[in-house]
């Protein structure tokens, strides 16, 4: 359990799956992913940027997401937007199935 009492701590693979799930909805840039994780989960999943950016690099290195730089308005830093690759779509589908199986098993033990 987490020290914050918000729920179990996520493993690297689990928050990678959450990132794939968000990027699977639409292209997003790094900080937007952090904000969407917080907003979508009502703050239960609140990963620091220092965790998300290495995960994005790992997912990109593994070929699950692809990034592209987008120039912003003058004086604003460019942003790297990420989208799922075909391999990422497959990994998300498999990960979702595995998560649902795990959730069903945990619900049967913990009660739902």
N, C-alpha and C. Protein backbone atom coordinates (compact mmCIF):
# COMPACT_ATOMS: atom_id res chain seq x y z
N UNK A 1 0.85 -1.19 0.00
CA UNK A 1 0.00 0.00 0.00
C UNK A 1 0.89 1.24 0.00
N UNK A 2 0.37 2.29 -0.52
CA UNK A 2 1.13 3.54 -0.53
C UNK A 2 1.08 4.18 0.85
N UNK A 3 2.06 5.01 1.12
CA UNK A 3 2.08 5.72 2.39
C UNK A 3 1.01 6.79 2.46
N UNK A 4 0.56 7.26 1.31
CA UNK A 4 -0.44 8.33 1.27
C UNK A 4 -1.84 7.81 1.56
N UNK A 5 -2.04 6.49 1.57
CA UNK A 5 -3.35 5.94 1.83
C UNK A 5 -4.31 6.07 0.66
N UNK A 6 -3.79 6.33 -0.51
CA UNK A 6 -4.65 6.53 -1.68
C UNK A 6 -4.87 5.24 -2.46
N UNK A 7 -4.12 4.22 -2.18
CA UNK A 7 -4.26 2.97 -2.90
C UNK A 7 -2.90 2.34 -3.11
N UNK A 8 -2.88 1.22 -3.82
CA UNK A 8 -1.61 0.52 -4.05
C UNK A 8 -0.65 1.36 -4.89
N UNK A 9 0.62 1.16 -4.65
CA UNK A 9 1.63 1.81 -5.49
C UNK A 9 1.65 1.11 -6.84
N UNK A 10 1.91 1.88 -7.88
CA UNK A 10 1.94 1.33 -9.24
C UNK A 10 3.35 0.88 -9.60
N UNK A 11 3.42 -0.24 -10.29
CA UNK A 11 4.71 -0.66 -10.82
C UNK A 11 4.99 0.10 -12.10
N UNK A 12 6.19 -0.01 -12.59
CA UNK A 12 6.60 0.67 -13.82
C UNK A 12 5.71 0.26 -14.99
N UNK A 13 5.40 -1.02 -15.09
CA UNK A 13 4.55 -1.50 -16.17
C UNK A 13 3.12 -0.99 -16.07
N UNK A 14 2.62 -0.88 -14.85
CA UNK A 14 1.25 -0.41 -14.68
C UNK A 14 1.10 1.05 -15.05
N UNK A 15 2.03 1.91 -14.64
CA UNK A 15 1.85 3.31 -15.05
C UNK A 15 2.17 3.48 -16.52
N UNK A 16 3.01 2.59 -17.07
CA UNK A 16 3.21 2.60 -18.53
C UNK A 16 1.92 2.28 -19.24
N UNK A 17 1.16 1.34 -18.71
CA UNK A 17 -0.14 0.98 -19.30
C UNK A 17 -1.11 2.16 -19.21
N UNK A 18 -1.09 2.87 -18.08
CA UNK A 18 -1.96 4.04 -17.94
C UNK A 18 -1.59 5.12 -18.96
N UNK A 19 -0.30 5.31 -19.18
CA UNK A 19 0.14 6.28 -20.18
C UNK A 19 -0.32 5.85 -21.56
N UNK A 20 -0.17 4.57 -21.89
CA UNK A 20 -0.66 4.07 -23.18
C UNK A 20 -2.16 4.32 -23.32
N UNK A 21 -2.89 4.11 -22.24
CA UNK A 21 -4.34 4.33 -22.29
C UNK A 21 -4.69 5.77 -22.60
N UNK A 22 -3.99 6.70 -22.00
CA UNK A 22 -4.26 8.12 -22.27
C UNK A 22 -3.84 8.50 -23.68
N UNK A 23 -2.65 8.11 -24.08
CA UNK A 23 -2.15 8.46 -25.41
C UNK A 23 -2.98 7.76 -26.48
N UNK A 24 -3.60 6.64 -26.12
CA UNK A 24 -4.49 5.95 -27.05
C UNK A 24 -5.76 6.74 -27.34
N UNK A 25 -6.11 7.65 -26.46
CA UNK A 25 -7.30 8.49 -26.67
C UNK A 25 -7.03 9.59 -27.70
N UNK A 26 -5.83 10.19 -27.60
CA UNK A 26 -5.43 11.26 -28.52
C UNK A 26 -3.97 11.59 -28.27
N UNK A 27 -3.35 12.29 -29.21
CA UNK A 27 -1.97 12.73 -29.02
C UNK A 27 -1.90 13.67 -27.82
N UNK A 28 -0.85 13.51 -27.03
CA UNK A 28 -0.64 14.36 -25.86
C UNK A 28 0.83 14.64 -25.68
N UNK A 29 1.14 15.75 -25.02
CA UNK A 29 2.51 16.05 -24.65
C UNK A 29 2.71 15.70 -23.18
N UNK A 30 3.96 15.67 -22.75
CA UNK A 30 4.32 15.17 -21.43
C UNK A 30 3.54 15.74 -20.27
N UNK A 31 3.57 17.06 -20.10
CA UNK A 31 2.88 17.62 -18.95
C UNK A 31 1.37 17.39 -19.04
N UNK A 32 0.84 17.38 -20.25
CA UNK A 32 -0.60 17.11 -20.44
C UNK A 32 -0.94 15.71 -19.94
N UNK A 33 -0.05 14.76 -20.16
CA UNK A 33 -0.26 13.39 -19.68
C UNK A 33 -0.31 13.39 -18.15
N UNK A 34 0.63 14.09 -17.52
CA UNK A 34 0.65 14.19 -16.05
C UNK A 34 -0.67 14.77 -15.55
N UNK A 35 -1.11 15.87 -16.16
CA UNK A 35 -2.35 16.53 -15.74
C UNK A 35 -3.56 15.65 -15.98
N UNK A 36 -3.60 14.95 -17.10
CA UNK A 36 -4.74 14.08 -17.41
C UNK A 36 -4.80 12.88 -16.46
N UNK A 37 -3.64 12.34 -16.08
CA UNK A 37 -3.63 11.25 -15.10
C UNK A 37 -4.26 11.72 -13.79
N UNK A 38 -3.87 12.92 -13.36
CA UNK A 38 -4.44 13.46 -12.11
C UNK A 38 -5.94 13.69 -12.25
N UNK A 39 -6.33 14.36 -13.33
CA UNK A 39 -7.74 14.73 -13.52
C UNK A 39 -8.63 13.51 -13.72
N UNK A 40 -8.19 12.59 -14.55
CA UNK A 40 -9.01 11.42 -14.88
C UNK A 40 -9.20 10.51 -13.67
N UNK A 41 -8.22 10.48 -12.78
CA UNK A 41 -8.30 9.59 -11.62
C UNK A 41 -8.65 10.33 -10.33
N UNK A 42 -9.12 11.57 -10.45
CA UNK A 42 -9.43 12.39 -9.28
C UNK A 42 -8.26 12.48 -8.31
N UNK A 43 -7.04 12.51 -8.86
CA UNK A 43 -5.85 12.66 -8.04
C UNK A 43 -5.32 11.39 -7.43
N UNK A 44 -6.00 10.27 -7.63
CA UNK A 44 -5.52 9.00 -7.05
C UNK A 44 -4.19 8.62 -7.69
N UNK A 45 -4.09 8.80 -9.01
CA UNK A 45 -2.81 8.58 -9.69
C UNK A 45 -2.20 9.94 -9.92
N UNK A 46 -1.16 10.23 -9.17
CA UNK A 46 -0.50 11.53 -9.23
C UNK A 46 1.00 11.28 -9.38
N UNK A 47 1.40 10.94 -10.58
CA UNK A 47 2.80 10.64 -10.84
C UNK A 47 3.59 11.92 -11.04
N UNK A 48 4.74 12.02 -10.43
CA UNK A 48 5.57 13.21 -10.66
C UNK A 48 6.12 13.22 -12.08
N UNK A 49 6.37 14.41 -12.59
CA UNK A 49 6.92 14.54 -13.94
C UNK A 49 8.21 13.75 -14.08
N UNK A 50 9.00 13.68 -13.02
CA UNK A 50 10.25 12.94 -13.04
C UNK A 50 10.07 11.45 -13.23
N UNK A 51 8.86 10.95 -13.07
CA UNK A 51 8.54 9.55 -13.33
C UNK A 51 7.97 9.39 -14.73
N UNK A 52 7.15 10.34 -15.16
CA UNK A 52 6.46 10.23 -16.44
C UNK A 52 7.42 10.38 -17.62
N UNK A 53 8.32 11.35 -17.56
CA UNK A 53 9.20 11.58 -18.71
C UNK A 53 10.12 10.40 -19.01
N UNK A 54 10.73 9.77 -18.00
CA UNK A 54 11.51 8.56 -18.30
C UNK A 54 10.63 7.43 -18.85
N UNK A 55 9.40 7.33 -18.36
CA UNK A 55 8.48 6.31 -18.88
C UNK A 55 8.16 6.58 -20.35
N UNK A 56 7.97 7.84 -20.71
CA UNK A 56 7.72 8.18 -22.11
C UNK A 56 8.91 7.81 -22.98
N UNK A 57 10.11 8.09 -22.50
CA UNK A 57 11.30 7.73 -23.27
C UNK A 57 11.41 6.21 -23.43
N UNK A 58 11.11 5.47 -22.36
CA UNK A 58 11.15 4.01 -22.41
C UNK A 58 10.12 3.47 -23.39
N UNK A 59 8.89 3.98 -23.31
CA UNK A 59 7.84 3.53 -24.22
C UNK A 59 8.18 3.85 -25.67
N UNK A 60 8.81 5.00 -25.88
CA UNK A 60 9.21 5.36 -27.24
C UNK A 60 10.36 4.46 -27.71
N UNK A 61 11.32 4.23 -26.85
CA UNK A 61 12.44 3.33 -27.19
C UNK A 61 11.94 1.92 -27.51
N UNK A 62 10.91 1.49 -26.80
CA UNK A 62 10.33 0.16 -27.02
C UNK A 62 9.40 0.10 -28.23
N UNK A 63 9.20 1.24 -28.88
CA UNK A 63 8.38 1.27 -30.09
C UNK A 63 6.88 1.28 -29.85
N UNK A 64 6.46 1.58 -28.61
CA UNK A 64 5.03 1.56 -28.29
C UNK A 64 4.36 2.92 -28.53
N UNK A 65 5.15 3.98 -28.47
CA UNK A 65 4.67 5.32 -28.80
C UNK A 65 5.68 5.98 -29.73
N UNK A 66 5.21 6.97 -30.45
CA UNK A 66 6.09 7.77 -31.30
C UNK A 66 5.88 9.23 -30.93
N UNK A 67 6.98 9.95 -30.86
CA UNK A 67 6.91 11.36 -30.49
C UNK A 67 7.28 12.25 -31.67
N UNK A 68 6.74 13.45 -31.64
CA UNK A 68 7.10 14.45 -32.65
C UNK A 68 7.13 15.80 -31.96
N UNK A 69 8.09 16.62 -32.35
CA UNK A 69 8.22 17.96 -31.80
C UNK A 69 7.28 18.90 -32.52
N UNK A 70 6.63 19.75 -31.75
CA UNK A 70 5.72 20.75 -32.31
C UNK A 70 6.18 22.12 -31.82
N UNK A 71 6.42 23.00 -32.77
CA UNK A 71 6.79 24.37 -32.42
C UNK A 71 5.55 25.11 -31.92
N UNK A 72 5.73 25.87 -30.87
CA UNK A 72 4.63 26.62 -30.27
C UNK A 72 4.80 28.10 -30.63
N UNK A 73 3.98 28.93 -30.05
CA UNK A 73 4.07 30.38 -30.28
C UNK A 73 5.47 30.87 -29.89
N UNK A 74 5.87 31.95 -30.50
CA UNK A 74 7.18 32.52 -30.23
C UNK A 74 7.35 32.78 -28.74
N UNK A 75 8.49 32.39 -28.23
CA UNK A 75 8.77 32.57 -26.81
C UNK A 75 8.27 31.42 -25.94
N UNK A 76 7.59 30.46 -26.54
CA UNK A 76 7.09 29.30 -25.82
C UNK A 76 7.91 28.08 -26.24
N UNK A 77 8.35 27.28 -25.28
CA UNK A 77 9.14 26.10 -25.67
C UNK A 77 8.33 25.13 -26.53
N UNK A 78 9.01 24.46 -27.43
CA UNK A 78 8.32 23.45 -28.25
C UNK A 78 7.89 22.30 -27.36
N UNK A 79 6.94 21.53 -27.84
CA UNK A 79 6.41 20.40 -27.07
C UNK A 79 6.57 19.12 -27.88
N UNK A 80 6.79 18.04 -27.17
CA UNK A 80 6.89 16.73 -27.81
C UNK A 80 5.55 16.02 -27.59
N UNK A 81 4.84 15.80 -28.68
CA UNK A 81 3.55 15.11 -28.64
C UNK A 81 3.77 13.63 -28.94
N UNK A 82 3.02 12.79 -28.23
CA UNK A 82 3.15 11.34 -28.36
C UNK A 82 1.85 10.74 -28.85
N UNK A 83 1.99 9.71 -29.68
CA UNK A 83 0.85 8.93 -30.17
C UNK A 83 1.22 7.46 -30.09
N UNK A 84 0.19 6.61 -30.06
CA UNK A 84 0.44 5.16 -30.06
C UNK A 84 0.91 4.71 -31.43
N UNK A 85 1.80 3.75 -31.44
CA UNK A 85 2.16 3.05 -32.67
C UNK A 85 1.26 1.82 -32.78
N UNK A 86 1.38 1.09 -33.86
CA UNK A 86 0.62 -0.16 -33.99
C UNK A 86 1.00 -1.13 -32.87
N UNK A 87 2.29 -1.20 -32.58
CA UNK A 87 2.73 -2.06 -31.47
C UNK A 87 2.16 -1.57 -30.14
N UNK A 88 2.05 -0.26 -29.97
CA UNK A 88 1.47 0.30 -28.76
C UNK A 88 0.00 -0.01 -28.63
N UNK A 89 -0.71 0.03 -29.74
CA UNK A 89 -2.14 -0.33 -29.72
C UNK A 89 -2.31 -1.78 -29.29
N UNK A 90 -1.43 -2.66 -29.80
CA UNK A 90 -1.49 -4.07 -29.41
C UNK A 90 -1.15 -4.24 -27.93
N UNK A 91 -0.09 -3.56 -27.48
CA UNK A 91 0.31 -3.65 -26.07
C UNK A 91 -0.79 -3.13 -25.15
N UNK A 92 -1.47 -2.08 -25.57
CA UNK A 92 -2.58 -1.54 -24.77
C UNK A 92 -3.72 -2.54 -24.70
N UNK A 93 -4.07 -3.17 -25.81
CA UNK A 93 -5.15 -4.16 -25.81
C UNK A 93 -4.81 -5.35 -24.91
N UNK A 94 -3.60 -5.84 -25.01
CA UNK A 94 -3.16 -6.98 -24.18
C UNK A 94 -3.12 -6.55 -22.72
N UNK A 95 -2.55 -5.39 -22.44
CA UNK A 95 -2.46 -4.90 -21.07
C UNK A 95 -3.82 -4.68 -20.44
N UNK A 96 -4.75 -4.18 -21.24
CA UNK A 96 -6.11 -3.96 -20.74
C UNK A 96 -6.75 -5.30 -20.35
N UNK A 97 -6.60 -6.31 -21.20
CA UNK A 97 -7.16 -7.64 -20.89
C UNK A 97 -6.54 -8.21 -19.62
N UNK A 98 -5.21 -8.10 -19.50
CA UNK A 98 -4.54 -8.61 -18.30
C UNK A 98 -4.99 -7.86 -17.06
N UNK A 99 -5.15 -6.54 -17.17
CA UNK A 99 -5.59 -5.74 -16.03
C UNK A 99 -7.01 -6.13 -15.61
N UNK A 100 -7.90 -6.33 -16.57
CA UNK A 100 -9.28 -6.70 -16.24
C UNK A 100 -9.33 -8.07 -15.57
N UNK A 101 -8.47 -9.00 -16.02
CA UNK A 101 -8.39 -10.31 -15.36
C UNK A 101 -7.90 -10.16 -13.92
N UNK A 102 -6.87 -9.34 -13.74
CA UNK A 102 -6.34 -9.10 -12.40
C UNK A 102 -7.38 -8.43 -11.51
N UNK A 103 -8.06 -7.44 -12.05
CA UNK A 103 -9.10 -6.73 -11.29
C UNK A 103 -10.20 -7.69 -10.85
N UNK A 104 -10.65 -8.55 -11.76
CA UNK A 104 -11.69 -9.53 -11.42
C UNK A 104 -11.21 -10.47 -10.32
N UNK A 105 -9.96 -10.90 -10.40
CA UNK A 105 -9.41 -11.79 -9.36
C UNK A 105 -9.32 -11.06 -8.02
N UNK A 106 -8.82 -9.81 -8.05
CA UNK A 106 -8.72 -9.03 -6.80
C UNK A 106 -10.10 -8.77 -6.21
N UNK A 107 -11.08 -8.45 -7.09
CA UNK A 107 -12.44 -8.22 -6.59
C UNK A 107 -13.01 -9.46 -5.92
N UNK A 108 -12.68 -10.63 -6.46
CA UNK A 108 -13.21 -11.85 -5.86
C UNK A 108 -12.59 -12.12 -4.49
N UNK A 109 -11.38 -11.64 -4.27
CA UNK A 109 -10.74 -11.81 -2.97
C UNK A 109 -11.16 -10.69 -2.01
N UNK A 110 -11.17 -9.48 -2.50
CA UNK A 110 -11.43 -8.32 -1.64
C UNK A 110 -12.90 -7.98 -1.52
N UNK A 111 -13.70 -8.50 -2.44
CA UNK A 111 -15.11 -8.12 -2.48
C UNK A 111 -15.27 -6.88 -3.31
N UNK A 112 -16.38 -6.80 -4.01
CA UNK A 112 -16.57 -5.60 -4.84
C UNK A 112 -17.90 -4.97 -4.59
